[in-house]
């Protein structure tokens, strides 16, 4: 693993940008729409500009990739051989943000050779800062974060499921006969990962996330004791820009049960 910048400095860069941008106050905002139909605001661009500038000033040799960059620029950074790069989602849950729904966050990951070395996710509404360094544990506001180690049965779990990106038999069976107790869809991938890591949600399923959606959060979950993969059972590495499906749970045992249920109820398998 390459040398890792001081996580405290990274956290300060993110929280300082949030403070300056006024992101902490959830009020209804003006919106624009990108070519893919997703929502973007001036705050997305402001945060990306501030954070990228701070990172480049301190670590000029580490390339920066942000969600609001052009695809060609992103691809050039991801496809370069070896080395590290930053991956930023400056505001995940933008629709929530624009509607005054207080659930959105900022995610920053440091990626080296397709693996996430460091991840920071900040919830400005609750002032909760999650971070992890590979092999060194996960933390919430400086306190060690561990998923619940005790066994919990699948039928008693709360799941976060994004149904709109799931299709066919799997989506139908999740609606008609879900294996869990209750279901949510909170609308910010980067925070949903961290809420699984904190044990507030036990199961997670999403049909398509970009690298900046899952990079930091997946590291935080794994370092806290959780497990995750794609719907095909492959690792969520960061070698590509294409969307990846996500299956995750608070611990390895529950992940295996959840993954098995999905496989048995997905007609595409």
Protein backbone atom coordinates (compact mmCIF):
# COMPACT_ATOMS: atom_id res chain seq x y z
CA UNK A 1 0.00 0.00 0.00
CA UNK A 2 1.36 3.43 -0.95
CA UNK A 3 1.88 6.11 1.66
CA UNK A 4 -1.38 7.49 3.05
CA UNK A 5 -1.98 11.20 3.72
CA UNK A 6 -2.95 12.09 7.29
CA UNK A 7 -6.67 11.22 7.67
CA UNK A 8 -7.15 14.13 10.10
CA UNK A 9 -6.06 16.60 7.42
CA UNK A 10 -8.41 14.97 4.89
CA UNK A 11 -11.31 15.26 7.33
CA UNK A 12 -10.52 18.94 7.91
CA UNK A 13 -10.49 19.60 4.16
CA UNK A 14 -13.97 18.07 3.79
CA UNK A 15 -15.54 19.70 6.84
CA UNK A 16 -14.04 23.12 6.04
CA UNK A 17 -15.53 22.98 2.54
CA UNK A 18 -18.93 22.08 4.00
CA UNK A 19 -18.78 24.96 6.49
CA UNK A 20 -17.91 27.49 3.79
CA UNK A 21 -20.55 26.20 1.35
CA UNK A 22 -23.45 26.39 3.81
CA UNK A 23 -24.35 22.77 3.14
CA UNK A 24 -25.46 22.02 6.70
CA UNK A 25 -28.83 23.74 6.32
CA UNK A 26 -31.39 21.61 4.39
CA UNK A 27 -33.63 24.05 2.52
CA UNK A 28 -35.33 23.78 -0.86
CA UNK A 29 -32.82 24.71 -3.60
CA UNK A 30 -32.78 25.47 -7.31
CA UNK A 31 -31.75 22.52 -9.47
CA UNK A 32 -30.33 21.68 -12.86
CA UNK A 33 -30.39 18.34 -14.66
CA UNK A 34 -27.42 16.54 -16.18
CA UNK A 35 -27.55 14.59 -19.45
CA UNK A 36 -28.32 11.35 -17.59
CA UNK A 37 -31.30 12.96 -15.84
CA UNK A 38 -29.67 13.21 -12.43
CA UNK A 39 -29.91 16.40 -10.37
CA UNK A 40 -27.03 18.80 -9.86
CA UNK A 41 -26.75 22.14 -8.05
CA UNK A 42 -24.20 24.92 -7.83
CA UNK A 43 -23.28 23.52 -4.41
CA UNK A 44 -22.07 20.26 -6.01
CA UNK A 45 -19.64 22.22 -8.17
CA UNK A 46 -18.61 24.57 -5.37
CA UNK A 47 -17.73 21.69 -3.05
CA UNK A 48 -15.84 19.85 -5.77
CA UNK A 49 -13.84 22.96 -6.65
CA UNK A 50 -12.94 23.72 -3.02
CA UNK A 51 -11.99 20.16 -2.09
CA UNK A 52 -10.01 19.51 -5.27
CA UNK A 53 -8.07 22.75 -4.84
CA UNK A 54 -7.15 21.88 -1.24
CA UNK A 55 -6.07 18.36 -2.18
CA UNK A 56 -3.96 19.56 -5.10
CA UNK A 57 -2.24 22.16 -2.95
CA UNK A 58 -1.18 19.55 -0.40
CA UNK A 59 -0.64 16.51 -2.65
CA UNK A 60 0.03 17.81 -6.18
CA UNK A 61 1.28 14.42 -7.36
CA UNK A 62 -2.00 12.60 -6.65
CA UNK A 63 -4.53 13.02 -9.51
CA UNK A 64 -8.06 14.12 -8.61
CA UNK A 65 -11.32 12.70 -10.00
CA UNK A 66 -14.72 14.13 -9.10
CA UNK A 67 -18.25 13.17 -10.05
CA UNK A 68 -18.88 16.51 -11.77
CA UNK A 69 -15.88 16.18 -14.13
CA UNK A 70 -16.33 15.22 -17.77
CA UNK A 71 -16.38 11.47 -18.39
CA UNK A 72 -13.26 11.58 -20.56
CA UNK A 73 -11.28 13.25 -17.77
CA UNK A 74 -12.51 10.65 -15.29
CA UNK A 75 -11.58 7.78 -17.60
CA UNK A 76 -8.07 9.11 -18.16
CA UNK A 77 -7.44 9.13 -14.41
CA UNK A 78 -8.99 5.72 -13.68
CA UNK A 79 -7.32 3.98 -16.63
CA UNK A 80 -3.80 5.23 -15.98
CA UNK A 81 -1.44 2.47 -14.91
CA UNK A 82 -0.66 2.22 -11.19
CA UNK A 83 -0.46 5.03 -8.69
CA UNK A 84 -3.10 6.65 -6.51
CA UNK A 85 -5.97 9.01 -7.24
CA UNK A 86 -8.71 10.78 -5.31
CA UNK A 87 -12.37 9.95 -6.00
CA UNK A 88 -14.89 12.52 -4.76
CA UNK A 89 -18.65 12.60 -4.65
CA UNK A 90 -19.12 16.24 -3.60
CA UNK A 91 -22.80 15.86 -2.76
CA UNK A 92 -24.55 12.50 -2.78
CA UNK A 93 -28.28 12.67 -2.24
CA UNK A 94 -28.64 15.88 -4.24
CA UNK A 95 -32.38 15.33 -4.73
CA UNK A 96 -32.80 15.08 -0.96
CA UNK A 97 -30.72 18.24 -0.57
CA UNK A 98 -32.77 20.22 -3.08
CA UNK A 99 -36.05 19.16 -1.45
CA UNK A 100 -34.97 19.96 2.10
CA UNK A 101 -34.88 16.27 3.08
CA UNK A 102 -32.02 16.05 5.61
CA UNK A 103 -30.12 13.02 4.33
CA UNK A 104 -27.14 13.69 2.07
CA UNK A 105 -23.39 13.49 2.35
CA UNK A 106 -19.91 13.98 0.92
CA UNK A 107 -17.60 11.07 0.11
CA UNK A 108 -13.86 11.15 -0.57
CA UNK A 109 -11.71 8.09 -1.23
CA UNK A 110 -8.03 7.57 -1.98
CA UNK A 111 -7.61 4.71 -4.43
CA UNK A 112 -4.41 2.88 -5.30
CA UNK A 113 -4.18 0.02 -7.82
CA UNK A 114 -7.96 -0.43 -7.73
CA UNK A 115 -8.11 -0.77 -3.93
CA UNK A 116 -9.45 1.86 -1.54
CA UNK A 117 -6.69 2.96 0.82
CA UNK A 118 -8.62 5.67 2.69
CA UNK A 119 -12.25 6.73 2.88
CA UNK A 120 -14.02 9.71 4.45
CA UNK A 121 -17.79 10.23 4.45
CA UNK A 122 -19.35 13.26 6.11
CA UNK A 123 -22.98 13.81 7.09
CA UNK A 124 -23.27 17.60 7.51
CA UNK A 125 -26.78 17.54 8.96
CA UNK A 126 -25.88 15.27 11.91
CA UNK A 127 -22.22 16.33 12.01
CA UNK A 128 -21.18 12.68 11.71
CA UNK A 129 -17.81 11.98 10.16
CA UNK A 130 -16.99 8.40 9.20
CA UNK A 131 -13.52 7.40 8.11
CA UNK A 132 -11.34 4.35 7.58
CA UNK A 133 -7.81 3.50 6.49
CA UNK A 134 -7.31 0.07 4.96
CA UNK A 135 -6.22 -2.37 7.65
CA UNK A 136 -6.63 0.17 10.48
CA UNK A 137 -10.33 0.02 11.38
CA UNK A 138 -13.29 2.34 10.86
CA UNK A 139 -14.30 5.32 12.99
CA UNK A 140 -17.30 7.56 13.61
CA UNK A 141 -16.36 10.95 15.04
CA UNK A 142 -13.11 9.43 16.31
CA UNK A 143 -14.72 6.45 18.03
CA UNK A 144 -13.99 2.92 16.80
CA UNK A 145 -16.88 1.66 14.70
CA UNK A 146 -17.78 -2.01 14.67
CA UNK A 147 -20.80 -3.71 13.15
CA UNK A 148 -22.87 -5.78 15.53
CA UNK A 149 -21.08 -9.06 16.04
CA UNK A 150 -23.99 -10.96 17.53
CA UNK A 151 -26.14 -13.03 15.25
CA UNK A 152 -29.38 -11.56 13.95
CA UNK A 153 -31.73 -13.58 11.79
CA UNK A 154 -32.57 -12.40 8.29
CA UNK A 155 -36.27 -12.05 9.07
CA UNK A 156 -35.57 -9.50 11.84
CA UNK A 157 -33.36 -7.22 9.72
CA UNK A 158 -33.98 -3.75 8.36
CA UNK A 159 -32.89 -3.46 4.73
CA UNK A 160 -32.07 -0.48 2.56
CA UNK A 161 -33.16 -1.47 -0.96
CA UNK A 162 -33.18 0.72 -4.07
CA UNK A 163 -36.00 -0.96 -6.00
CA UNK A 164 -35.98 1.37 -9.01
CA UNK A 165 -32.66 -0.09 -10.22
CA UNK A 166 -33.74 -3.72 -9.80
CA UNK A 167 -35.72 -5.62 -12.41
CA UNK A 168 -37.80 -8.72 -13.06
CA UNK A 169 -38.42 -11.49 -10.59
CA UNK A 170 -36.05 -10.19 -7.92
CA UNK A 171 -37.80 -6.82 -7.68
CA UNK A 172 -41.23 -8.50 -7.61
CA UNK A 173 -40.31 -10.91 -4.82
CA UNK A 174 -38.71 -8.18 -2.75
CA UNK A 175 -42.05 -6.35 -2.89
CA UNK A 176 -44.35 -9.34 -2.41
CA UNK A 177 -42.41 -11.56 -0.01
CA UNK A 178 -39.28 -9.88 1.36
CA UNK A 179 -37.12 -11.99 3.69
CA UNK A 180 -36.52 -9.13 6.13
CA UNK A 181 -38.66 -7.30 8.70
CA UNK A 182 -38.69 -3.79 7.25
CA UNK A 183 -37.37 -1.81 4.29
CA UNK A 184 -36.04 1.70 3.65
CA UNK A 185 -34.56 3.65 0.73
CA UNK A 186 -32.95 6.78 2.11
CA UNK A 187 -31.55 8.30 -1.08
CA UNK A 188 -27.85 8.80 -0.38
CA UNK A 189 -25.58 5.86 -1.18
CA UNK A 190 -22.56 7.24 0.65
CA UNK A 191 -24.50 7.58 3.92
CA UNK A 192 -26.38 4.31 3.49
CA UNK A 193 -23.05 2.44 3.44
CA UNK A 194 -22.08 4.10 6.69
CA UNK A 195 -25.43 3.41 8.32
CA UNK A 196 -24.89 -0.29 7.62
CA UNK A 197 -21.41 0.02 9.15
CA UNK A 198 -23.00 1.66 12.22
CA UNK A 199 -25.60 -1.13 12.53
CA UNK A 200 -28.55 1.19 11.90
CA UNK A 201 -29.37 -0.90 8.80
CA UNK A 202 -28.49 -4.59 8.59
CA UNK A 203 -28.90 -5.30 4.86
CA UNK A 204 -28.16 -3.33 1.70
CA UNK A 205 -29.08 -3.85 -1.96
CA UNK A 206 -28.55 -1.45 -4.85
CA UNK A 207 -28.74 -2.12 -8.58
CA UNK A 208 -26.14 0.36 -9.81
CA UNK A 209 -23.58 2.60 -8.13
CA UNK A 210 -20.63 4.54 -9.52
CA UNK A 211 -17.18 4.25 -8.02
CA UNK A 212 -17.55 7.50 -6.07
CA UNK A 213 -20.79 6.14 -4.55
CA UNK A 214 -19.25 3.00 -3.07
CA UNK A 215 -15.49 3.53 -2.74
CA UNK A 216 -15.24 5.19 0.68
CA UNK A 217 -18.37 3.59 2.13
CA UNK A 218 -17.42 0.04 1.20
CA UNK A 219 -14.04 0.44 2.90
CA UNK A 220 -15.70 1.84 6.03
CA UNK A 221 -18.13 -1.09 6.12
CA UNK A 222 -15.44 -3.72 5.63
CA UNK A 223 -13.16 -2.15 8.24
CA UNK A 224 -16.10 -2.12 10.67
CA UNK A 225 -16.66 -5.86 10.16
CA UNK A 226 -19.27 -5.94 7.39
CA UNK A 227 -19.19 -7.70 4.02
CA UNK A 228 -20.15 -6.73 0.47
CA UNK A 229 -19.95 -7.68 -3.20
CA UNK A 230 -21.77 -7.21 -6.50
CA UNK A 231 -24.88 -9.23 -7.34
CA UNK A 232 -22.56 -11.63 -9.17
CA UNK A 233 -20.45 -12.10 -6.05
CA UNK A 234 -17.44 -10.21 -7.40
CA UNK A 235 -15.41 -7.69 -5.41
CA UNK A 236 -16.26 -3.99 -5.51
CA UNK A 237 -12.88 -2.82 -6.76
CA UNK A 238 -12.24 0.55 -8.34
CA UNK A 239 -10.77 -0.41 -11.70
CA UNK A 240 -13.74 0.86 -13.73
CA UNK A 241 -16.23 3.70 -14.10
CA UNK A 242 -19.22 1.55 -15.06
CA UNK A 243 -22.01 1.11 -12.54
CA UNK A 244 -21.76 -1.82 -10.15
CA UNK A 245 -24.53 -3.58 -8.25
CA UNK A 246 -24.17 -3.85 -4.48
CA UNK A 247 -25.09 -6.50 -1.90
CA UNK A 248 -23.96 -5.87 1.67
CA UNK A 249 -24.67 -6.75 5.30
CA UNK A 250 -23.40 -5.94 8.78
CA UNK A 251 -21.45 -9.19 9.11
CA UNK A 252 -20.18 -12.06 6.98
CA UNK A 253 -22.75 -14.62 8.15
CA UNK A 254 -25.71 -12.37 7.42
CA UNK A 255 -24.20 -11.34 4.10
CA UNK A 256 -24.02 -14.99 3.01
CA UNK A 257 -27.69 -15.57 3.93
CA UNK A 258 -28.80 -12.38 2.20
CA UNK A 259 -26.72 -13.09 -0.90
CA UNK A 260 -28.07 -16.66 -1.11
CA UNK A 261 -31.68 -15.46 -0.89
CA UNK A 262 -31.05 -12.95 -3.67
CA UNK A 263 -29.43 -15.58 -5.89
CA UNK A 264 -32.33 -17.97 -5.38
CA UNK A 265 -34.89 -15.29 -6.23
CA UNK A 266 -33.17 -13.61 -9.18
CA UNK A 267 -34.29 -15.13 -12.49
CA UNK A 268 -31.18 -13.79 -14.23
CA UNK A 269 -28.98 -16.35 -12.45
